[in-house]
């Protein structure tokens, strides 16, 4: 995995944390929208599925679409 992919993976994981925090806020009485445990669980499952799909897509990208190579040369998407 190159540095570009590592950065994308970190961004995906940060998105998970941010969204999970939003879901948690919605479950509290002070949140903008109170959800049941079942609704929150379903939201988290959808979040996990989305993250899984994004990670798989990142890992399956052809090398020419993966961002800058470790040697610092440019490729088709960044050139």
PDB file of N, CA and C in Angstrom:
ATOM      1  N   UNK A   1       0.864  -1.173   0.000  1.00  0.00           N
ATOM      2  CA  UNK A   1       0.000   0.000   0.000  1.00  0.00           C
ATOM      3  C   UNK A   1       0.909   1.234   0.000  1.00  0.00           C
ATOM      4  N   UNK A   2       0.655   2.155  -0.937  1.00  0.00           N
ATOM      5  CA  UNK A   2       1.499   3.352  -1.006  1.00  0.00           C
ATOM      6  C   UNK A   2       0.955   4.456  -0.096  1.00  0.00           C
ATOM      7  N   UNK A   3       1.675   5.570  -0.036  1.00  0.00           N
ATOM      8  CA  UNK A   3       1.299   6.661   0.870  1.00  0.00           C
ATOM      9  C   UNK A   3      -0.070   7.250   0.527  1.00  0.00           C
ATOM     10  N   UNK A   4      -0.386   7.342  -0.760  1.00  0.00           N
ATOM     11  CA  UNK A   4      -1.695   7.853  -1.169  1.00  0.00           C
ATOM     12  C   UNK A   4      -2.803   6.958  -0.618  1.00  0.00           C
ATOM     13  N   UNK A   5      -2.648   5.641  -0.776  1.00  0.00           N
ATOM     14  CA  UNK A   5      -3.652   4.702  -0.272  1.00  0.00           C
ATOM     15  C   UNK A   5      -3.763   4.778   1.246  1.00  0.00           C
ATOM     16  N   UNK A   6      -2.646   4.903   1.922  1.00  0.00           N
ATOM     17  CA  UNK A   6      -2.677   5.026   3.383  1.00  0.00           C
ATOM     18  C   UNK A   6      -3.437   6.280   3.801  1.00  0.00           C
ATOM     19  N   UNK A   7      -3.224   7.374   3.078  1.00  0.00           N
ATOM     20  CA  UNK A   7      -3.951   8.610   3.366  1.00  0.00           C
ATOM     21  C   UNK A   7      -5.442   8.451   3.141  1.00  0.00           C
ATOM     22  N   UNK A   8      -5.813   7.774   2.045  1.00  0.00           N
ATOM     23  CA  UNK A   8      -7.228   7.534   1.759  1.00  0.00           C
ATOM     24  C   UNK A   8      -7.853   6.641   2.824  1.00  0.00           C
ATOM     25  N   UNK A   9      -7.142   5.607   3.247  1.00  0.00           N
ATOM     26  CA  UNK A   9      -7.650   4.719   4.288  1.00  0.00           C
ATOM     27  C   UNK A   9      -7.853   5.490   5.587  1.00  0.00           C
ATOM     28  N   UNK A  10      -6.913   6.353   5.930  1.00  0.00           N
ATOM     29  CA  UNK A  10      -7.052   7.160   7.141  1.00  0.00           C
ATOM     30  C   UNK A  10      -8.278   8.071   7.037  1.00  0.00           C
ATOM     31  N   UNK A  11      -8.512   8.654   5.849  1.00  0.00           N
ATOM     32  CA  UNK A  11      -9.672   9.516   5.645  1.00  0.00           C
ATOM     33  C   UNK A  11     -10.971   8.720   5.802  1.00  0.00           C
ATOM     34  N   UNK A  12     -11.005   7.504   5.263  1.00  0.00           N
ATOM     35  CA  UNK A  12     -12.188   6.647   5.388  1.00  0.00           C
ATOM     36  C   UNK A  12     -12.457   6.342   6.863  1.00  0.00           C
ATOM     37  N   UNK A  13     -11.421   5.995   7.600  1.00  0.00           N
ATOM     38  CA  UNK A  13     -11.595   5.672   9.017  1.00  0.00           C
ATOM     39  C   UNK A  13     -12.027   6.897   9.817  1.00  0.00           C
ATOM     40  N   UNK A  14     -11.495   8.063   9.479  1.00  0.00           N
ATOM     41  CA  UNK A  14     -11.936   9.287  10.151  1.00  0.00           C
ATOM     42  C   UNK A  14     -13.400   9.580   9.845  1.00  0.00           C
ATOM     43  N   UNK A  15     -13.837   9.290   8.617  1.00  0.00           N
ATOM     44  CA  UNK A  15     -15.248   9.449   8.266  1.00  0.00           C
ATOM     45  C   UNK A  15     -16.125   8.554   9.143  1.00  0.00           C
ATOM     46  N   UNK A  16     -15.647   7.333   9.403  1.00  0.00           N
ATOM     47  CA  UNK A  16     -16.395   6.408  10.257  1.00  0.00           C
ATOM     48  C   UNK A  16     -16.559   7.001  11.654  1.00  0.00           C
ATOM     49  N   UNK A  17     -15.475   7.510  12.210  1.00  0.00           N
ATOM     50  CA  UNK A  17     -15.529   8.085  13.556  1.00  0.00           C
ATOM     51  C   UNK A  17     -16.481   9.279  13.591  1.00  0.00           C
ATOM     52  N   UNK A  18     -16.372  10.161  12.590  1.00  0.00           N
ATOM     53  CA  UNK A  18     -17.242  11.339  12.545  1.00  0.00           C
ATOM     54  C   UNK A  18     -18.707  10.938  12.457  1.00  0.00           C
ATOM     55  N   UNK A  19     -19.020   9.995  11.587  1.00  0.00           N
ATOM     56  CA  UNK A  19     -20.415   9.575  11.403  1.00  0.00           C
ATOM     57  C   UNK A  19     -20.933   8.849  12.642  1.00  0.00           C
ATOM     58  N   UNK A  20     -20.096   8.017  13.247  1.00  0.00           N
ATOM     59  CA  UNK A  20     -20.512   7.320  14.470  1.00  0.00           C
ATOM     60  C   UNK A  20     -20.811   8.322  15.578  1.00  0.00           C
ATOM     61  N   UNK A  21     -20.034   9.391  15.645  1.00  0.00           N
ATOM     62  CA  UNK A  21     -20.297  10.436  16.643  1.00  0.00           C
ATOM     63  C   UNK A  21     -21.644  11.100  16.393  1.00  0.00           C
ATOM     64  N   UNK A  22     -21.948  11.365  15.117  1.00  0.00           N
ATOM     65  CA  UNK A  22     -23.246  11.957  14.773  1.00  0.00           C
ATOM     66  C   UNK A  22     -24.388  11.026  15.172  1.00  0.00           C
ATOM     67  N   UNK A  23     -24.218   9.737  14.909  1.00  0.00           N
ATOM     68  CA  UNK A  23     -25.253   8.762  15.262  1.00  0.00           C
ATOM     69  C   UNK A  23     -25.429   8.726  16.776  1.00  0.00           C
ATOM     70  N   UNK A  24     -24.327   8.766  17.524  1.00  0.00           N
ATOM     71  CA  UNK A  24     -24.398   8.773  18.986  1.00  0.00           C
ATOM     72  C   UNK A  24     -25.132   9.986  19.512  1.00  0.00           C
ATOM     73  N   UNK A  25     -24.892  11.142  18.916  1.00  0.00           N
ATOM     74  CA  UNK A  25     -25.589  12.358  19.347  1.00  0.00           C
ATOM     75  C   UNK A  25     -27.093  12.250  19.117  1.00  0.00           C
ATOM     76  N   UNK A  26     -27.477  11.594  18.044  1.00  0.00           N
ATOM     77  CA  UNK A  26     -28.903  11.462  17.737  1.00  0.00           C
ATOM     78  C   UNK A  26     -29.617  10.548  18.724  1.00  0.00           C
ATOM     79  N   UNK A  27     -28.855   9.751  19.455  1.00  0.00           N
ATOM     80  CA  UNK A  27     -29.468   8.843  20.421  1.00  0.00           C
ATOM     81  C   UNK A  27     -29.663   9.498  21.780  1.00  0.00           C
ATOM     82  N   UNK A  28     -29.056  10.637  22.007  1.00  0.00           N
ATOM     83  CA  UNK A  28     -29.183  11.298  23.305  1.00  0.00           C
ATOM     84  C   UNK A  28     -30.361  12.262  23.289  1.00  0.00           C
ATOM     85  N   UNK A  29     -30.971  12.502  24.432  1.00  0.00           N
ATOM     86  CA  UNK A  29     -32.110  13.421  24.491  1.00  0.00           C
ATOM     87  C   UNK A  29     -31.767  14.843  24.049  1.00  0.00           C
ATOM     88  N   UNK A  30     -30.494  15.243  24.127  1.00  0.00           N
ATOM     89  CA  UNK A  30     -30.138  16.599  23.722  1.00  0.00           C
ATOM     90  C   UNK A  30     -29.814  16.695  22.235  1.00  0.00           C
ATOM     91  N   UNK A  31     -29.736  15.548  21.569  1.00  0.00           N
ATOM     92  CA  UNK A  31     -29.420  15.546  20.140  1.00  0.00           C
ATOM     93  C   UNK A  31     -30.578  16.070  19.319  1.00  0.00           C
ATOM     94  N   UNK A  32     -30.301  16.404  18.062  1.00  0.00           N
ATOM     95  CA  UNK A  32     -31.333  16.962  17.190  1.00  0.00           C
ATOM     96  C   UNK A  32     -32.430  15.958  16.835  1.00  0.00           C
ATOM     97  N   UNK A  33     -32.122  14.683  16.929  1.00  0.00           N
ATOM     98  CA  UNK A  33     -33.083  13.656  16.534  1.00  0.00           C
ATOM     99  C   UNK A  33     -32.819  12.417  17.385  1.00  0.00           C
ATOM    100  N   UNK A  34     -33.764  12.019  18.202  1.00  0.00           N
ATOM    101  CA  UNK A  34     -33.574  10.854  19.059  1.00  0.00           C
ATOM    102  C   UNK A  34     -33.881   9.599  18.253  1.00  0.00           C
ATOM    103  N   UNK A  35     -32.959   8.634  18.293  1.00  0.00           N
ATOM    104  CA  UNK A  35     -33.137   7.378  17.573  1.00  0.00           C
ATOM    105  C   UNK A  35     -33.180   6.223  18.565  1.00  0.00           C
ATOM    106  N   UNK A  36     -33.836   5.165  18.152  1.00  0.00           N
ATOM    107  CA  UNK A  36     -33.832   3.959  18.971  1.00  0.00           C
ATOM    108  C   UNK A  36     -32.498   3.241  18.769  1.00  0.00           C
ATOM    109  N   UNK A  37     -32.221   2.288  19.642  1.00  0.00           N
ATOM    110  CA  UNK A  37     -31.002   1.490  19.518  1.00  0.00           C
ATOM    111  C   UNK A  37     -31.007   0.747  18.184  1.00  0.00           C
ATOM    112  N   UNK A  38     -32.154   0.209  17.781  1.00  0.00           N
ATOM    113  CA  UNK A  38     -32.236  -0.518  16.512  1.00  0.00           C
ATOM    114  C   UNK A  38     -31.929   0.382  15.326  1.00  0.00           C
ATOM    115  N   UNK A  39     -32.457   1.612  15.340  1.00  0.00           N
ATOM    116  CA  UNK A  39     -32.184   2.552  14.246  1.00  0.00           C
ATOM    117  C   UNK A  39     -30.708   2.927  14.215  1.00  0.00           C
ATOM    118  N   UNK A  40     -30.135   3.160  15.373  1.00  0.00           N
ATOM    119  CA  UNK A  40     -28.717   3.517  15.441  1.00  0.00           C
ATOM    120  C   UNK A  40     -27.843   2.352  14.981  1.00  0.00           C
ATOM    121  N   UNK A  41     -28.218   1.132  15.376  1.00  0.00           N
ATOM    122  CA  UNK A  41     -27.472  -0.050  14.951  1.00  0.00           C
ATOM    123  C   UNK A  41     -27.529  -0.198  13.438  1.00  0.00           C
ATOM    124  N   UNK A  42     -28.703   0.015  12.857  1.00  0.00           N
ATOM    125  CA  UNK A  42     -28.836  -0.060  11.402  1.00  0.00           C
ATOM    126  C   UNK A  42     -27.978   1.012  10.728  1.00  0.00           C
ATOM    127  N   UNK A  43     -27.962   2.219  11.268  1.00  0.00           N
ATOM    128  CA  UNK A  43     -27.116   3.286  10.725  1.00  0.00           C
ATOM    129  C   UNK A  43     -25.642   2.882  10.764  1.00  0.00           C
ATOM    130  N   UNK A  44     -25.215   2.286  11.872  1.00  0.00           N
ATOM    131  CA  UNK A  44     -23.820   1.866  11.996  1.00  0.00           C
ATOM    132  C   UNK A  44     -23.492   0.729  11.031  1.00  0.00           C
ATOM    133  N   UNK A  45     -24.448  -0.181  10.812  1.00  0.00           N
ATOM    134  CA  UNK A  45     -24.225  -1.258   9.839  1.00  0.00           C
ATOM    135  C   UNK A  45     -24.065  -0.697   8.430  1.00  0.00           C
ATOM    136  N   UNK A  46     -24.895   0.280   8.073  1.00  0.00           N
ATOM    137  CA  UNK A  46     -24.780   0.907   6.754  1.00  0.00           C
ATOM    138  C   UNK A  46     -23.444   1.635   6.638  1.00  0.00           C
ATOM    139  N   UNK A  47     -23.028   2.287   7.713  1.00  0.00           N
ATOM    140  CA  UNK A  47     -21.746   2.980   7.734  1.00  0.00           C
ATOM    141  C   UNK A  47     -20.599   1.991   7.531  1.00  0.00           C
ATOM    142  N   UNK A  48     -20.644   0.866   8.228  1.00  0.00           N
ATOM    143  CA  UNK A  48     -19.601  -0.150   8.099  1.00  0.00           C
ATOM    144  C   UNK A  48     -19.570  -0.726   6.686  1.00  0.00           C
ATOM    145  N   UNK A  49     -20.738  -0.969   6.103  1.00  0.00           N
ATOM    146  CA  UNK A  49     -20.796  -1.500   4.741  1.00  0.00           C
ATOM    147  C   UNK A  49     -20.207  -0.500   3.746  1.00  0.00           C
ATOM    148  N   UNK A  50     -20.540   0.775   3.915  1.00  0.00           N
ATOM    149  CA  UNK A  50     -19.990   1.807   3.040  1.00  0.00           C
ATOM    150  C   UNK A  50     -18.468   1.868   3.181  1.00  0.00           C
ATOM    151  N   UNK A  51     -17.980   1.832   4.413  1.00  0.00           N
ATOM    152  CA  UNK A  51     -16.532   1.878   4.641  1.00  0.00           C
ATOM    153  C   UNK A  51     -15.850   0.661   4.020  1.00  0.00           C
ATOM    154  N   UNK A  52     -16.446  -0.507   4.182  1.00  0.00           N
ATOM    155  CA  UNK A  52     -15.901  -1.729   3.591  1.00  0.00           C
ATOM    156  C   UNK A  52     -15.798  -1.586   2.077  1.00  0.00           C
ATOM    157  N   UNK A  53     -16.870  -1.121   1.447  1.00  0.00           N
ATOM    158  CA  UNK A  53     -16.875  -0.967  -0.010  1.00  0.00           C
ATOM    159  C   UNK A  53     -15.833   0.042  -0.472  1.00  0.00           C
ATOM    160  N   UNK A  54     -15.677   1.129   0.279  1.00  0.00           N
ATOM    161  CA  UNK A  54     -14.683   2.144  -0.084  1.00  0.00           C
ATOM    162  C   UNK A  54     -13.261   1.603   0.060  1.00  0.00           C
ATOM    163  N   UNK A  55     -13.011   0.815   1.101  1.00  0.00           N
ATOM    164  CA  UNK A  55     -11.680   0.240   1.305  1.00  0.00           C
ATOM    165  C   UNK A  55     -11.370  -0.774   0.209  1.00  0.00           C
ATOM    166  N   UNK A  56     -12.331  -1.633  -0.124  1.00  0.00           N
ATOM    167  CA  UNK A  56     -12.128  -2.616  -1.191  1.00  0.00           C
ATOM    168  C   UNK A  56     -11.856  -1.907  -2.512  1.00  0.00           C
ATOM    169  N   UNK A  57     -12.629  -0.863  -2.814  1.00  0.00           N
ATOM    170  CA  UNK A  57     -12.416  -0.111  -4.060  1.00  0.00           C
ATOM    171  C   UNK A  57     -11.017   0.497  -4.082  1.00  0.00           C
ATOM    172  N   UNK A  58     -10.571   1.008  -2.957  1.00  0.00           N
ATOM    173  CA  UNK A  58      -9.235   1.595  -2.869  1.00  0.00           C
ATOM    174  C   UNK A  58      -8.167   0.542  -3.137  1.00  0.00           C
ATOM    175  N   UNK A  59      -8.329  -0.631  -2.566  1.00  0.00           N
ATOM    176  CA  UNK A  59      -7.341  -1.691  -2.736  1.00  0.00           C
ATOM    177  C   UNK A  59      -7.362  -2.296  -4.135  1.00  0.00           C
ATOM    178  N   UNK A  60      -8.511  -2.242  -4.813  1.00  0.00           N
ATOM    179  CA  UNK A  60      -8.636  -2.841  -6.138  1.00  0.00           C
ATOM    180  C   UNK A  60      -8.351  -1.872  -7.278  1.00  0.00           C
ATOM    181  N   UNK A  61      -8.065  -0.602  -6.970  1.00  0.00           N
ATOM    182  CA  UNK A  61      -7.772   0.362  -8.033  1.00  0.00           C
ATOM    183  C   UNK A  61      -6.552  -0.078  -8.824  1.00  0.00           C
ATOM    184  N   UNK A  62      -6.597   0.112 -10.145  1.00  0.00           N
ATOM    185  CA  UNK A  62      -5.398  -0.181 -10.930  1.00  0.00           C
ATOM    186  C   UNK A  62      -4.264   0.755 -10.508  1.00  0.00           C
ATOM    187  N   UNK A  63      -3.024   0.311 -10.623  1.00  0.00           N
ATOM    188  CA  UNK A  63      -1.891   1.130 -10.169  1.00  0.00           C
ATOM    189  C   UNK A  63      -1.879   2.542 -10.745  1.00  0.00           C
ATOM    190  N   UNK A  64      -2.327   2.710 -11.975  1.00  0.00           N
ATOM    191  CA  UNK A  64      -2.279   4.044 -12.583  1.00  0.00           C
ATOM    192  C   UNK A  64      -3.288   5.013 -11.980  1.00  0.00           C
ATOM    193  N   UNK A  65      -4.221   4.534 -11.155  1.00  0.00           N
ATOM    194  CA  UNK A  65      -5.213   5.404 -10.528  1.00  0.00           C
ATOM    195  C   UNK A  65      -4.966   5.603  -9.036  1.00  0.00           C
ATOM    196  N   UNK A  66      -3.865   5.126  -8.533  1.00  0.00           N
ATOM    197  CA  UNK A  66      -3.634   5.121  -7.086  1.00  0.00           C
ATOM    198  C   UNK A  66      -2.944   6.354  -6.540  1.00  0.00           C
ATOM    199  N   UNK A  67      -2.763   7.347  -7.300  1.00  0.00           N
ATOM    200  CA  UNK A  67      -2.085   8.530  -6.787  1.00  0.00           C
ATOM    201  C   UNK A  67      -0.602   8.466  -7.063  1.00  0.00           C
ATOM    202  N   UNK A  68       0.138   9.391  -6.489  1.00  0.00           N
ATOM    203  CA  UNK A  68       1.579   9.457  -6.745  1.00  0.00           C
ATOM    204  C   UNK A  68       2.288   8.176  -6.328  1.00  0.00           C
ATOM    205  N   UNK A  69       3.241   7.767  -7.134  1.00  0.00           N
ATOM    206  CA  UNK A  69       4.003   6.570  -6.792  1.00  0.00           C
ATOM    207  C   UNK A  69       5.004   6.907  -5.689  1.00  0.00           C
ATOM    208  N   UNK A  70       5.491   5.905  -4.985  1.00  0.00           N
ATOM    209  CA  UNK A  70       6.445   6.168  -3.910  1.00  0.00           C
ATOM    210  C   UNK A  70       7.702   6.901  -4.387  1.00  0.00           C
ATOM    211  N   UNK A  71       8.049   6.746  -5.663  1.00  0.00           N
ATOM    212  CA  UNK A  71       9.249   7.416  -6.177  1.00  0.00           C
ATOM    213  C   UNK A  71       9.005   8.893  -6.437  1.00  0.00           C
ATOM    214  N   UNK A  72       7.756   9.325  -6.339  1.00  0.00           N
ATOM    215  CA  UNK A  72       7.440  10.734  -6.531  1.00  0.00           C
ATOM    216  C   UNK A  72       7.105  11.102  -7.964  1.00  0.00           C
ATOM    217  N   UNK A  73       7.110  10.138  -8.872  1.00  0.00           N
ATOM    218  CA  UNK A  73       6.754  10.443 -10.256  1.00  0.00           C
ATOM    219  C   UNK A  73       5.258  10.593 -10.371  1.00  0.00           C
ATOM    220  N   UNK A  74       4.814  11.282 -11.403  1.00  0.00           N
ATOM    221  CA  UNK A  74       3.380  11.495 -11.590  1.00  0.00           C
ATOM    222  C   UNK A  74       2.806  10.382 -12.456  1.00  0.00           C
ATOM    223  N   UNK A  75       1.511  10.140 -12.299  1.00  0.00           N
ATOM    224  CA  UNK A  75       0.863   9.131 -13.115  1.00  0.00           C
ATOM    225  C   UNK A  75      -0.309   9.750 -13.864  1.00  0.00           C
ATOM    226  N   UNK A  76      -1.142   8.920 -14.456  1.00  0.00           N
ATOM    227  CA  UNK A  76      -2.212   9.412 -15.311  1.00  0.00           C
ATOM    228  C   UNK A  76      -3.216  10.304 -14.599  1.00  0.00           C
ATOM    229  N   UNK A  77      -3.555   9.994 -13.353  1.00  0.00           N
ATOM    230  CA  UNK A  77      -4.588  10.778 -12.678  1.00  0.00           C
ATOM    231  C   UNK A  77      -4.063  12.078 -12.112  1.00  0.00           C
ATOM    232  N   UNK A  78      -2.787  12.160 -11.845  1.00  0.00           N
ATOM    233  CA  UNK A  78      -2.231  13.361 -11.229  1.00  0.00           C
ATOM    234  C   UNK A  78      -1.415  14.187 -12.209  1.00  0.00           C
ATOM    235  N   UNK A  79      -1.134  13.623 -13.394  1.00  0.00           N
ATOM    236  CA  UNK A  79      -0.235  14.265 -14.331  1.00  0.00           C
ATOM    237  C   UNK A  79      -0.822  15.380 -15.071  1.00  0.00           C
TER     238      UNK A  79
END
